[in-house]
């Protein structure tokens, strides 16, 4: 028996509506419903990888694709002054959905350390 689909799998499979700003054969991207910055986009792989620590060597190209997609979206969204990429892993890392995803944050000055 396979695990139930995550919220992000359902969005990628168009079972739950979302306003996609990017879609290709490997991933989808959409604005976060609880934004932590003026621009807060999630880049989600179609493949259900639970979290970065569970990615395998065969996911190397997918991981690169997610980062390159986030960078391209940052340019398209006018984040020339800067942006942040975040990948949460596990409950202590802030993970709330067990499906790997890349947060693209920008549109304001982001402080360090983040948490």
PDB file of N, CA and C in Angstrom:
ATOM      1  N   UNK A   1       0.845  -1.188   0.000  1.00  0.00           N
ATOM      2  CA  UNK A   1       0.000   0.000   0.000  1.00  0.00           C
ATOM      3  C   UNK A   1       0.886   1.246   0.000  1.00  0.00           C
ATOM      4  N   UNK A   2       0.604   2.171  -0.880  1.00  0.00           N
ATOM      5  CA  UNK A   2       1.420   3.383  -0.964  1.00  0.00           C
ATOM      6  C   UNK A   2       0.941   4.420   0.047  1.00  0.00           C
ATOM      7  N   UNK A   3       1.837   5.327   0.397  1.00  0.00           N
ATOM      8  CA  UNK A   3       1.511   6.391   1.339  1.00  0.00           C
ATOM      9  C   UNK A   3       0.475   7.325   0.718  1.00  0.00           C
ATOM     10  N   UNK A   4      -0.364   7.940   1.541  1.00  0.00           N
ATOM     11  CA  UNK A   4      -1.329   8.894   0.987  1.00  0.00           C
ATOM     12  C   UNK A   4      -0.603  10.080   0.359  1.00  0.00           C
ATOM     13  N   UNK A   5      -1.215  10.685  -0.623  1.00  0.00           N
ATOM     14  CA  UNK A   5      -0.615  11.844  -1.289  1.00  0.00           C
ATOM     15  C   UNK A   5      -0.530  13.021  -0.333  1.00  0.00           C
ATOM     16  N   UNK A   6       0.568  13.748  -0.431  1.00  0.00           N
ATOM     17  CA  UNK A   6       0.719  14.980   0.348  1.00  0.00           C
ATOM     18  C   UNK A   6      -0.075  16.089  -0.327  1.00  0.00           C
ATOM     19  N   UNK A   7      -0.258  17.166   0.408  1.00  0.00           N
ATOM     20  CA  UNK A   7      -0.917  18.351  -0.138  1.00  0.00           C
ATOM     21  C   UNK A   7      -0.215  18.800  -1.417  1.00  0.00           C
ATOM     22  N   UNK A   8       1.126  18.802  -1.407  1.00  0.00           N
ATOM     23  CA  UNK A   8       1.872  19.269  -2.569  1.00  0.00           C
ATOM     24  C   UNK A   8       1.740  18.322  -3.749  1.00  0.00           C
ATOM     25  N   UNK A   9       1.651  17.012  -3.492  1.00  0.00           N
ATOM     26  CA  UNK A   9       1.412  16.074  -4.594  1.00  0.00           C
ATOM     27  C   UNK A   9       0.059  16.347  -5.225  1.00  0.00           C
ATOM     28  N   UNK A  10      -0.932  16.621  -4.391  1.00  0.00           N
ATOM     29  CA  UNK A  10      -2.278  16.888  -4.900  1.00  0.00           C
ATOM     30  C   UNK A  10      -2.303  18.170  -5.722  1.00  0.00           C
ATOM     31  N   UNK A  11      -1.544  19.171  -5.311  1.00  0.00           N
ATOM     32  CA  UNK A  11      -1.450  20.410  -6.102  1.00  0.00           C
ATOM     33  C   UNK A  11      -0.757  20.128  -7.425  1.00  0.00           C
ATOM     34  N   UNK A  12       0.371  19.411  -7.381  1.00  0.00           N
ATOM     35  CA  UNK A  12       1.113  19.095  -8.608  1.00  0.00           C
ATOM     36  C   UNK A  12       0.267  18.260  -9.573  1.00  0.00           C
ATOM     37  N   UNK A  13      -0.572  17.380  -9.015  1.00  0.00           N
ATOM     38  CA  UNK A  13      -1.438  16.532  -9.842  1.00  0.00           C
ATOM     39  C   UNK A  13      -2.745  17.226 -10.218  1.00  0.00           C
ATOM     40  N   UNK A  14      -2.897  18.492  -9.800  1.00  0.00           N
ATOM     41  CA  UNK A  14      -4.078  19.311 -10.093  1.00  0.00           C
ATOM     42  C   UNK A  14      -5.359  18.729  -9.502  1.00  0.00           C
ATOM     43  N   UNK A  15      -5.201  18.052  -8.375  1.00  0.00           N
ATOM     44  CA  UNK A  15      -6.360  17.563  -7.632  1.00  0.00           C
ATOM     45  C   UNK A  15      -6.863  18.628  -6.662  1.00  0.00           C
ATOM     46  N   UNK A  16      -5.978  19.539  -6.300  1.00  0.00           N
ATOM     47  CA  UNK A  16      -6.314  20.703  -5.481  1.00  0.00           C
ATOM     48  C   UNK A  16      -5.935  21.930  -6.300  1.00  0.00           C
ATOM     49  N   UNK A  17      -6.852  22.880  -6.449  1.00  0.00           N
ATOM     50  CA  UNK A  17      -6.526  24.053  -7.266  1.00  0.00           C
ATOM     51  C   UNK A  17      -5.476  24.949  -6.614  1.00  0.00           C
ATOM     52  N   UNK A  18      -4.625  25.482  -7.437  1.00  0.00           N
ATOM     53  CA  UNK A  18      -3.622  26.457  -7.011  1.00  0.00           C
ATOM     54  C   UNK A  18      -3.305  27.313  -8.229  1.00  0.00           C
ATOM     55  N   UNK A  19      -2.926  28.539  -7.977  1.00  0.00           N
ATOM     56  CA  UNK A  19      -2.534  29.433  -9.059  1.00  0.00           C
ATOM     57  C   UNK A  19      -1.051  29.212  -9.344  1.00  0.00           C
ATOM     58  N   UNK A  20      -0.783  28.320 -10.294  1.00  0.00           N
ATOM     59  CA  UNK A  20       0.601  27.989 -10.627  1.00  0.00           C
ATOM     60  C   UNK A  20       1.246  29.137 -11.380  1.00  0.00           C
ATOM     61  N   UNK A  21       2.486  29.456 -11.007  1.00  0.00           N
ATOM     62  CA  UNK A  21       3.240  30.472 -11.750  1.00  0.00           C
ATOM     63  C   UNK A  21       4.309  29.821 -12.619  1.00  0.00           C
ATOM     64  N   UNK A  22       4.493  28.525 -12.427  1.00  0.00           N
ATOM     65  CA  UNK A  22       5.431  27.759 -13.251  1.00  0.00           C
ATOM     66  C   UNK A  22       4.995  26.308 -13.210  1.00  0.00           C
ATOM     67  N   UNK A  23       5.182  25.650 -14.354  1.00  0.00           N
ATOM     68  CA  UNK A  23       4.864  24.233 -14.444  1.00  0.00           C
ATOM     69  C   UNK A  23       5.701  23.626 -15.551  1.00  0.00           C
ATOM     70  N   UNK A  24       6.356  22.513 -15.242  1.00  0.00           N
ATOM     71  CA  UNK A  24       7.060  21.753 -16.272  1.00  0.00           C
ATOM     72  C   UNK A  24       6.968  20.281 -15.898  1.00  0.00           C
ATOM     73  N   UNK A  25       7.662  19.441 -16.587  1.00  0.00           N
ATOM     74  CA  UNK A  25       7.559  18.017 -16.348  1.00  0.00           C
ATOM     75  C   UNK A  25       8.131  17.564 -15.014  1.00  0.00           C
ATOM     76  N   UNK A  26       8.978  18.391 -14.395  1.00  0.00           N
ATOM     77  CA  UNK A  26       9.630  17.994 -13.142  1.00  0.00           C
ATOM     78  C   UNK A  26       9.090  18.685 -11.896  1.00  0.00           C
ATOM     79  N   UNK A  27       8.510  19.877 -12.064  1.00  0.00           N
ATOM     80  CA  UNK A  27       8.080  20.625 -10.887  1.00  0.00           C
ATOM     81  C   UNK A  27       6.964  21.607 -11.201  1.00  0.00           C
ATOM     82  N   UNK A  28       6.372  22.118 -10.123  1.00  0.00           N
ATOM     83  CA  UNK A  28       5.405  23.206 -10.199  1.00  0.00           C
ATOM     84  C   UNK A  28       5.851  24.274  -9.202  1.00  0.00           C
ATOM     85  N   UNK A  29       5.387  25.511  -9.405  1.00  0.00           N
ATOM     86  CA  UNK A  29       5.681  26.597  -8.467  1.00  0.00           C
ATOM     87  C   UNK A  29       4.434  27.435  -8.297  1.00  0.00           C
ATOM     88  N   UNK A  30       4.245  27.906  -7.070  1.00  0.00           N
ATOM     89  CA  UNK A  30       3.064  28.707  -6.740  1.00  0.00           C
ATOM     90  C   UNK A  30       3.379  29.552  -5.512  1.00  0.00           C
ATOM     91  N   UNK A  31       2.588  30.615  -5.314  1.00  0.00           N
ATOM     92  CA  UNK A  31       2.780  31.489  -4.164  1.00  0.00           C
ATOM     93  C   UNK A  31       2.311  30.783  -2.893  1.00  0.00           C
ATOM     94  N   UNK A  32       3.099  30.909  -1.822  1.00  0.00           N
ATOM     95  CA  UNK A  32       2.767  30.310  -0.528  1.00  0.00           C
ATOM     96  C   UNK A  32       1.503  30.969   0.023  1.00  0.00           C
ATOM     97  N   UNK A  33       0.619  30.170   0.633  1.00  0.00           N
ATOM     98  CA  UNK A  33      -0.620  30.727   1.185  1.00  0.00           C
ATOM     99  C   UNK A  33      -0.388  31.443   2.518  1.00  0.00           C
ATOM    100  N   UNK A  34       0.782  31.271   3.135  1.00  0.00           N
ATOM    101  CA  UNK A  34       1.140  31.949   4.376  1.00  0.00           C
ATOM    102  C   UNK A  34       2.504  32.604   4.180  1.00  0.00           C
ATOM    103  N   UNK A  35       2.559  33.655   3.339  1.00  0.00           N
ATOM    104  CA  UNK A  35       3.858  34.221   2.951  1.00  0.00           C
ATOM    105  C   UNK A  35       4.626  34.820   4.120  1.00  0.00           C
ATOM    106  N   UNK A  36       5.941  34.582   4.111  1.00  0.00           N
ATOM    107  CA  UNK A  36       6.843  35.101   5.124  1.00  0.00           C
ATOM    108  C   UNK A  36       7.663  36.278   4.597  1.00  0.00           C
ATOM    109  N   UNK A  37       7.386  36.694   3.380  1.00  0.00           N
ATOM    110  CA  UNK A  37       8.031  37.845   2.741  1.00  0.00           C
ATOM    111  C   UNK A  37       7.078  38.317   1.652  1.00  0.00           C
ATOM    112  N   UNK A  38       7.268  39.537   1.131  1.00  0.00           N
ATOM    113  CA  UNK A  38       6.384  40.007   0.058  1.00  0.00           C
ATOM    114  C   UNK A  38       6.304  39.044  -1.126  1.00  0.00           C
ATOM    115  N   UNK A  39       7.420  38.412  -1.464  1.00  0.00           N
ATOM    116  CA  UNK A  39       7.419  37.340  -2.457  1.00  0.00           C
ATOM    117  C   UNK A  39       7.803  36.063  -1.733  1.00  0.00           C
ATOM    118  N   UNK A  40       6.913  35.078  -1.790  1.00  0.00           N
ATOM    119  CA  UNK A  40       7.179  33.776  -1.154  1.00  0.00           C
ATOM    120  C   UNK A  40       6.567  32.707  -2.050  1.00  0.00           C
ATOM    121  N   UNK A  41       7.437  32.073  -2.817  1.00  0.00           N
ATOM    122  CA  UNK A  41       7.025  31.068  -3.792  1.00  0.00           C
ATOM    123  C   UNK A  41       7.565  29.715  -3.356  1.00  0.00           C
ATOM    124  N   UNK A  42       6.780  28.673  -3.583  1.00  0.00           N
ATOM    125  CA  UNK A  42       7.222  27.307  -3.337  1.00  0.00           C
ATOM    126  C   UNK A  42       7.472  26.632  -4.677  1.00  0.00           C
ATOM    127  N   UNK A  43       8.619  25.995  -4.801  1.00  0.00           N
ATOM    128  CA  UNK A  43       8.963  25.207  -5.985  1.00  0.00           C
ATOM    129  C   UNK A  43       8.942  23.753  -5.517  1.00  0.00           C
ATOM    130  N   UNK A  44       8.037  22.976  -6.091  1.00  0.00           N
ATOM    131  CA  UNK A  44       7.727  21.634  -5.594  1.00  0.00           C
ATOM    132  C   UNK A  44       7.963  20.602  -6.698  1.00  0.00           C
ATOM    133  N   UNK A  45       8.765  19.585  -6.424  1.00  0.00           N
ATOM    134  CA  UNK A  45       8.951  18.547  -7.436  1.00  0.00           C
ATOM    135  C   UNK A  45       7.683  17.705  -7.582  1.00  0.00           C
ATOM    136  N   UNK A  46       7.432  17.245  -8.784  1.00  0.00           N
ATOM    137  CA  UNK A  46       6.312  16.333  -8.998  1.00  0.00           C
ATOM    138  C   UNK A  46       6.588  14.988  -8.334  1.00  0.00           C
ATOM    139  N   UNK A  47       7.850  14.586  -8.324  1.00  0.00           N
ATOM    140  CA  UNK A  47       8.232  13.330  -7.684  1.00  0.00           C
ATOM    141  C   UNK A  47       8.100  13.489  -6.174  1.00  0.00           C
ATOM    142  N   UNK A  48       7.444  12.554  -5.501  1.00  0.00           N
ATOM    143  CA  UNK A  48       7.264  12.681  -4.053  1.00  0.00           C
ATOM    144  C   UNK A  48       8.503  12.265  -3.255  1.00  0.00           C
ATOM    145  N   UNK A  49       9.427  13.196  -3.100  1.00  0.00           N
ATOM    146  CA  UNK A  49      10.598  13.000  -2.237  1.00  0.00           C
ATOM    147  C   UNK A  49      10.212  13.624  -0.891  1.00  0.00           C
ATOM    148  N   UNK A  50      10.178  12.845   0.200  1.00  0.00           N
ATOM    149  CA  UNK A  50       9.697  13.402   1.468  1.00  0.00           C
ATOM    150  C   UNK A  50      10.482  14.605   1.979  1.00  0.00           C
ATOM    151  N   UNK A  51      11.804  14.552   1.876  1.00  0.00           N
ATOM    152  CA  UNK A  51      12.635  15.665   2.362  1.00  0.00           C
ATOM    153  C   UNK A  51      14.032  15.516   1.789  1.00  0.00           C
ATOM    154  N   UNK A  52      14.812  16.580   1.876  1.00  0.00           N
ATOM    155  CA  UNK A  52      16.141  16.588   1.285  1.00  0.00           C
ATOM    156  C   UNK A  52      16.996  15.427   1.795  1.00  0.00           C
ATOM    157  N   UNK A  53      16.931  15.140   3.085  1.00  0.00           N
ATOM    158  CA  UNK A  53      17.754  14.069   3.654  1.00  0.00           C
ATOM    159  C   UNK A  53      17.390  12.691   3.109  1.00  0.00           C
ATOM    160  N   UNK A  54      16.246  12.571   2.454  1.00  0.00           N
ATOM    161  CA  UNK A  54      15.833  11.298   1.882  1.00  0.00           C
ATOM    162  C   UNK A  54      15.983  11.261   0.363  1.00  0.00           C
ATOM    163  N   UNK A  55      16.538  12.321  -0.203  1.00  0.00           N
ATOM    164  CA  UNK A  55      16.820  12.321  -1.642  1.00  0.00           C
ATOM    165  C   UNK A  55      17.944  11.328  -1.911  1.00  0.00           C
ATOM    166  N   UNK A  56      17.914  10.745  -3.090  1.00  0.00           N
ATOM    167  CA  UNK A  56      18.930   9.757  -3.447  1.00  0.00           C
ATOM    168  C   UNK A  56      19.830  10.321  -4.547  1.00  0.00           C
ATOM    169  N   UNK A  57      20.944   9.644  -4.826  1.00  0.00           N
ATOM    170  CA  UNK A  57      21.803  10.103  -5.913  1.00  0.00           C
ATOM    171  C   UNK A  57      21.059  10.236  -7.248  1.00  0.00           C
ATOM    172  N   UNK A  58      20.029   9.433  -7.463  1.00  0.00           N
ATOM    173  CA  UNK A  58      19.264   9.552  -8.708  1.00  0.00           C
ATOM    174  C   UNK A  58      18.451  10.851  -8.765  1.00  0.00           C
ATOM    175  N   UNK A  59      18.317  11.551  -7.635  1.00  0.00           N
ATOM    176  CA  UNK A  59      17.581  12.822  -7.584  1.00  0.00           C
ATOM    177  C   UNK A  59      18.480  14.029  -7.849  1.00  0.00           C
ATOM    178  N   UNK A  60      19.747  13.806  -8.143  1.00  0.00           N
ATOM    179  CA  UNK A  60      20.688  14.914  -8.319  1.00  0.00           C
ATOM    180  C   UNK A  60      20.215  15.915  -9.375  1.00  0.00           C
ATOM    181  N   UNK A  61      19.811  15.447 -10.522  1.00  0.00           N
ATOM    182  CA  UNK A  61      19.364  16.358 -11.585  1.00  0.00           C
ATOM    183  C   UNK A  61      18.090  17.090 -11.173  1.00  0.00           C
ATOM    184  N   UNK A  62      17.186  16.403 -10.485  1.00  0.00           N
ATOM    185  CA  UNK A  62      15.952  17.031 -10.013  1.00  0.00           C
ATOM    186  C   UNK A  62      16.265  18.152  -9.031  1.00  0.00           C
ATOM    187  N   UNK A  63      17.179  17.912  -8.101  1.00  0.00           N
ATOM    188  CA  UNK A  63      17.542  18.935  -7.120  1.00  0.00           C
ATOM    189  C   UNK A  63      18.127  20.165  -7.807  1.00  0.00           C
ATOM    190  N   UNK A  64      18.989  19.949  -8.786  1.00  0.00           N
ATOM    191  CA  UNK A  64      19.536  21.068  -9.548  1.00  0.00           C
ATOM    192  C   UNK A  64      18.455  21.815 -10.302  1.00  0.00           C
ATOM    193  N   UNK A  65      17.514  21.075 -10.863  1.00  0.00           N
ATOM    194  CA  UNK A  65      16.410  21.694 -11.607  1.00  0.00           C
ATOM    195  C   UNK A  65      15.569  22.586 -10.691  1.00  0.00           C
ATOM    196  N   UNK A  66      15.313  22.129  -9.465  1.00  0.00           N
ATOM    197  CA  UNK A  66      14.531  22.945  -8.530  1.00  0.00           C
ATOM    198  C   UNK A  66      15.240  24.262  -8.234  1.00  0.00           C
ATOM    199  N   UNK A  67      16.554  24.219  -8.009  1.00  0.00           N
ATOM    200  CA  UNK A  67      17.297  25.445  -7.711  1.00  0.00           C
ATOM    201  C   UNK A  67      17.372  26.371  -8.927  1.00  0.00           C
ATOM    202  N   UNK A  68      17.623  25.810 -10.089  1.00  0.00           N
ATOM    203  CA  UNK A  68      17.667  26.645 -11.294  1.00  0.00           C
ATOM    204  C   UNK A  68      16.304  27.269 -11.589  1.00  0.00           C
ATOM    205  N   UNK A  69      15.241  26.526 -11.348  1.00  0.00           N
ATOM    206  CA  UNK A  69      13.892  27.064 -11.536  1.00  0.00           C
ATOM    207  C   UNK A  69      13.640  28.202 -10.557  1.00  0.00           C
ATOM    208  N   UNK A  70      14.036  28.027  -9.301  1.00  0.00           N
ATOM    209  CA  UNK A  70      13.868  29.091  -8.317  1.00  0.00           C
ATOM    210  C   UNK A  70      14.640  30.343  -8.725  1.00  0.00           C
ATOM    211  N   UNK A  71      15.856  30.182  -9.222  1.00  0.00           N
ATOM    212  CA  UNK A  71      16.639  31.328  -9.673  1.00  0.00           C
ATOM    213  C   UNK A  71      16.001  32.049 -10.843  1.00  0.00           C
ATOM    214  N   UNK A  72      15.470  31.287 -11.790  1.00  0.00           N
ATOM    215  CA  UNK A  72      14.796  31.897 -12.945  1.00  0.00           C
ATOM    216  C   UNK A  72      13.536  32.640 -12.499  1.00  0.00           C
ATOM    217  N   UNK A  73      12.769  32.040 -11.587  1.00  0.00           N
ATOM    218  CA  UNK A  73      11.564  32.698 -11.078  1.00  0.00           C
ATOM    219  C   UNK A  73      11.919  33.968 -10.318  1.00  0.00           C
ATOM    220  N   UNK A  74      13.030  33.962  -9.571  1.00  0.00           N
ATOM    221  CA  UNK A  74      13.466  35.168  -8.861  1.00  0.00           C
ATOM    222  C   UNK A  74      13.708  36.301  -9.850  1.00  0.00           C
ATOM    223  N   UNK A  75      14.361  35.997 -10.956  1.00  0.00           N
ATOM    224  CA  UNK A  75      14.582  37.029 -11.981  1.00  0.00           C
ATOM    225  C   UNK A  75      13.250  37.509 -12.547  1.00  0.00           C
ATOM    226  N   UNK A  76      12.367  36.578 -12.885  1.00  0.00           N
ATOM    227  CA  UNK A  76      11.071  36.938 -13.469  1.00  0.00           C
ATOM    228  C   UNK A  76      10.209  37.751 -12.501  1.00  0.00           C
ATOM    229  N   UNK A  77      10.363  37.517 -11.205  1.00  0.00           N
ATOM    230  CA  UNK A  77       9.565  38.209 -10.191  1.00  0.00           C
ATOM    231  C   UNK A  77      10.212  39.510  -9.715  1.00  0.00           C
ATOM    232  N   UNK A  78      11.311  39.901 -10.349  1.00  0.00           N
ATOM    233  CA  UNK A  78      11.928  41.192 -10.063  1.00  0.00           C
ATOM    234  C   UNK A  78      12.722  41.240  -8.765  1.00  0.00           C
ATOM    235  N   UNK A  79      13.332  40.139  -8.380  1.00  0.00           N
ATOM    236  CA  UNK A  79      14.087  40.103  -7.131  1.00  0.00           C
ATOM    237  C   UNK A  79      15.576  40.364  -7.352  1.00  0.00           C
ATOM    238  N   UNK A  80      15.888  41.356  -8.202  1.00  0.00           N
ATOM    239  CA  UNK A  80      17.279  41.655  -8.556  1.00  0.00           C
ATOM    240  C   UNK A  80      18.110  42.111  -7.356  1.00  0.00           C
ATOM    241  N   UNK A  81      17.479  42.689  -6.344  1.00  0.00           N
ATOM    242  CA  UNK A  81      18.232  43.159  -5.160  1.00  0.00           C
ATOM    243  C   UNK A  81      18.620  42.017  -4.231  1.00  0.00           C
ATOM    244  N   UNK A  82      18.001  40.854  -4.427  1.00  0.00           N
ATOM    245  CA  UNK A  82      18.359  39.703  -3.609  1.00  0.00           C
ATOM    246  C   UNK A  82      17.157  38.855  -3.245  1.00  0.00           C
ATOM    247  N   UNK A  83      17.450  37.623  -2.880  1.00  0.00           N
ATOM    248  CA  UNK A  83      16.416  36.680  -2.470  1.00  0.00           C
ATOM    249  C   UNK A  83      17.069  35.600  -1.628  1.00  0.00           C
ATOM    250  N   UNK A  84      16.247  34.796  -0.991  1.00  0.00           N
ATOM    251  CA  UNK A  84      16.734  33.691  -0.178  1.00  0.00           C
ATOM    252  C   UNK A  84      16.054  32.413  -0.628  1.00  0.00           C
ATOM    253  N   UNK A  85      16.828  31.329  -0.623  1.00  0.00           N
ATOM    254  CA  UNK A  85      16.331  29.987  -0.895  1.00  0.00           C
ATOM    255  C   UNK A  85      16.388  29.222   0.423  1.00  0.00           C
ATOM    256  N   UNK A  86      15.289  28.566   0.786  1.00  0.00           N
ATOM    257  CA  UNK A  86      15.225  27.792   2.021  1.00  0.00           C
ATOM    258  C   UNK A  86      14.656  26.422   1.708  1.00  0.00           C
ATOM    259  N   UNK A  87      15.279  25.388   2.275  1.00  0.00           N
ATOM    260  CA  UNK A  87      14.747  24.032   2.224  1.00  0.00           C
ATOM    261  C   UNK A  87      14.703  23.533   3.661  1.00  0.00           C
ATOM    262  N   UNK A  88      13.504  23.343   4.191  1.00  0.00           N
ATOM    263  CA  UNK A  88      13.340  22.837   5.551  1.00  0.00           C
ATOM    264  C   UNK A  88      13.434  21.313   5.532  1.00  0.00           C
ATOM    265  N   UNK A  89      14.016  20.751   6.583  1.00  0.00           N
ATOM    266  CA  UNK A  89      14.163  19.294   6.666  1.00  0.00           C
ATOM    267  C   UNK A  89      13.867  18.846   8.095  1.00  0.00           C
ATOM    268  N   UNK A  90      12.782  18.132   8.299  1.00  0.00           N
ATOM    269  CA  UNK A  90      12.410  17.626   9.614  1.00  0.00           C
ATOM    270  C   UNK A  90      11.716  18.673  10.465  1.00  0.00           C
ATOM    271  N   UNK A  91      11.093  18.208  11.553  1.00  0.00           N
ATOM    272  CA  UNK A  91      10.301  19.113  12.388  1.00  0.00           C
ATOM    273  C   UNK A  91      11.142  20.224  13.009  1.00  0.00           C
ATOM    274  N   UNK A  92      12.359  19.932  13.459  1.00  0.00           N
ATOM    275  CA  UNK A  92      13.206  20.983  14.019  1.00  0.00           C
ATOM    276  C   UNK A  92      13.677  21.967  12.950  1.00  0.00           C
ATOM    277  N   UNK A  93      13.656  21.552  11.692  1.00  0.00           N
ATOM    278  CA  UNK A  93      14.031  22.434  10.588  1.00  0.00           C
ATOM    279  C   UNK A  93      12.871  23.258  10.062  1.00  0.00           C
ATOM    280  N   UNK A  94      11.689  23.083  10.635  1.00  0.00           N
ATOM    281  CA  UNK A  94      10.535  23.870  10.214  1.00  0.00           C
ATOM    282  C   UNK A  94       9.681  23.198   9.146  1.00  0.00           C
ATOM    283  N   UNK A  95       9.952  21.940   8.847  1.00  0.00           N
ATOM    284  CA  UNK A  95       9.178  21.230   7.816  1.00  0.00           C
ATOM    285  C   UNK A  95       7.742  21.016   8.287  1.00  0.00           C
ATOM    286  N   UNK A  96       6.779  21.424   7.468  1.00  0.00           N
ATOM    287  CA  UNK A  96       5.375  21.225   7.821  1.00  0.00           C
ATOM    288  C   UNK A  96       4.655  20.293   6.851  1.00  0.00           C
ATOM    289  N   UNK A  97       5.199  20.125   5.668  1.00  0.00           N
ATOM    290  CA  UNK A  97       4.637  19.188   4.685  1.00  0.00           C
ATOM    291  C   UNK A  97       5.751  18.223   4.299  1.00  0.00           C
ATOM    292  N   UNK A  98       5.535  16.917   4.485  1.00  0.00           N
ATOM    293  CA  UNK A  98       6.598  15.947   4.182  1.00  0.00           C
ATOM    294  C   UNK A  98       6.733  15.673   2.687  1.00  0.00           C
ATOM    295  N   UNK A  99       7.051  16.725   1.953  1.00  0.00           N
ATOM    296  CA  UNK A  99       7.281  16.658   0.509  1.00  0.00           C
ATOM    297  C   UNK A  99       8.309  17.740   0.210  1.00  0.00           C
ATOM    298  N   UNK A 100       9.491  17.349  -0.229  1.00  0.00           N
ATOM    299  CA  UNK A 100      10.560  18.301  -0.517  1.00  0.00           C
ATOM    300  C   UNK A 100      10.015  19.501  -1.282  1.00  0.00           C
ATOM    301  N   UNK A 101      10.423  20.689  -0.880  1.00  0.00           N
ATOM    302  CA  UNK A 101      10.055  21.905  -1.599  1.00  0.00           C
ATOM    303  C   UNK A 101      11.065  23.002  -1.285  1.00  0.00           C
ATOM    304  N   UNK A 102      11.215  23.906  -2.230  1.00  0.00           N
ATOM    305  CA  UNK A 102      12.144  25.019  -2.121  1.00  0.00           C
ATOM    306  C   UNK A 102      11.337  26.290  -1.905  1.00  0.00           C
ATOM    307  N   UNK A 103      11.662  27.019  -0.843  1.00  0.00           N
ATOM    308  CA  UNK A 103      11.047  28.320  -0.593  1.00  0.00           C
ATOM    309  C   UNK A 103      11.907  29.374  -1.286  1.00  0.00           C
ATOM    310  N   UNK A 104      11.292  30.226  -2.070  1.00  0.00           N
ATOM    311  CA  UNK A 104      11.932  31.391  -2.673  1.00  0.00           C
ATOM    312  C   UNK A 104      11.331  32.611  -1.987  1.00  0.00           C
ATOM    313  N   UNK A 105      12.164  33.338  -1.240  1.00  0.00           N
ATOM    314  CA  UNK A 105      11.705  34.497  -0.477  1.00  0.00           C
ATOM    315  C   UNK A 105      12.432  35.753  -0.927  1.00  0.00           C
ATOM    316  N   UNK A 106      11.691  36.845  -1.036  1.00  0.00           N
ATOM    317  CA  UNK A 106      12.314  38.109  -1.406  1.00  0.00           C
ATOM    318  C   UNK A 106      11.325  39.250  -1.334  1.00  0.00           C
ATOM    319  N   UNK A 107      11.755  40.390  -1.846  1.00  0.00           N
ATOM    320  CA  UNK A 107      10.892  41.568  -1.854  1.00  0.00           C
ATOM    321  C   UNK A 107      11.088  42.481  -0.665  1.00  0.00           C
ATOM    322  N   UNK A 108      12.005  42.115   0.230  1.00  0.00           N
ATOM    323  CA  UNK A 108      12.373  42.961   1.370  1.00  0.00           C
ATOM    324  C   UNK A 108      13.766  42.508   1.818  1.00  0.00           C
ATOM    325  N   UNK A 109      14.378  43.314   2.681  1.00  0.00           N
ATOM    326  CA  UNK A 109      15.667  42.935   3.237  1.00  0.00           C
ATOM    327  C   UNK A 109      15.446  41.776   4.206  1.00  0.00           C
ATOM    328  N   UNK A 110      16.187  40.700   4.008  1.00  0.00           N
ATOM    329  CA  UNK A 110      16.058  39.514   4.847  1.00  0.00           C
ATOM    330  C   UNK A 110      17.200  39.486   5.842  1.00  0.00           C
ATOM    331  N   UNK A 111      16.892  39.283   7.102  1.00  0.00           N
ATOM    332  CA  UNK A 111      17.908  39.321   8.164  1.00  0.00           C
ATOM    333  C   UNK A 111      18.565  37.974   8.338  1.00  0.00           C
ATOM    334  N   UNK A 112      19.724  37.997   8.991  1.00  0.00           N
ATOM    335  CA  UNK A 112      20.448  36.779   9.315  1.00  0.00           C
ATOM    336  C   UNK A 112      20.894  36.865  10.770  1.00  0.00           C
ATOM    337  N   UNK A 113      20.770  35.841  11.570  1.00  0.00           N
ATOM    338  CA  UNK A 113      20.248  34.520  11.212  1.00  0.00           C
ATOM    339  C   UNK A 113      18.738  34.533  11.084  1.00  0.00           C
ATOM    340  N   UNK A 114      18.197  33.610  10.284  1.00  0.00           N
ATOM    341  CA  UNK A 114      16.775  33.619   9.985  1.00  0.00           C
ATOM    342  C   UNK A 114      15.894  33.158  11.146  1.00  0.00           C
ATOM    343  N   UNK A 115      16.358  32.302  12.035  1.00  0.00           N
ATOM    344  CA  UNK A 115      15.444  31.779  13.039  1.00  0.00           C
ATOM    345  C   UNK A 115      16.067  31.731  14.375  1.00  0.00           C
TER     346      UNK A 115
END
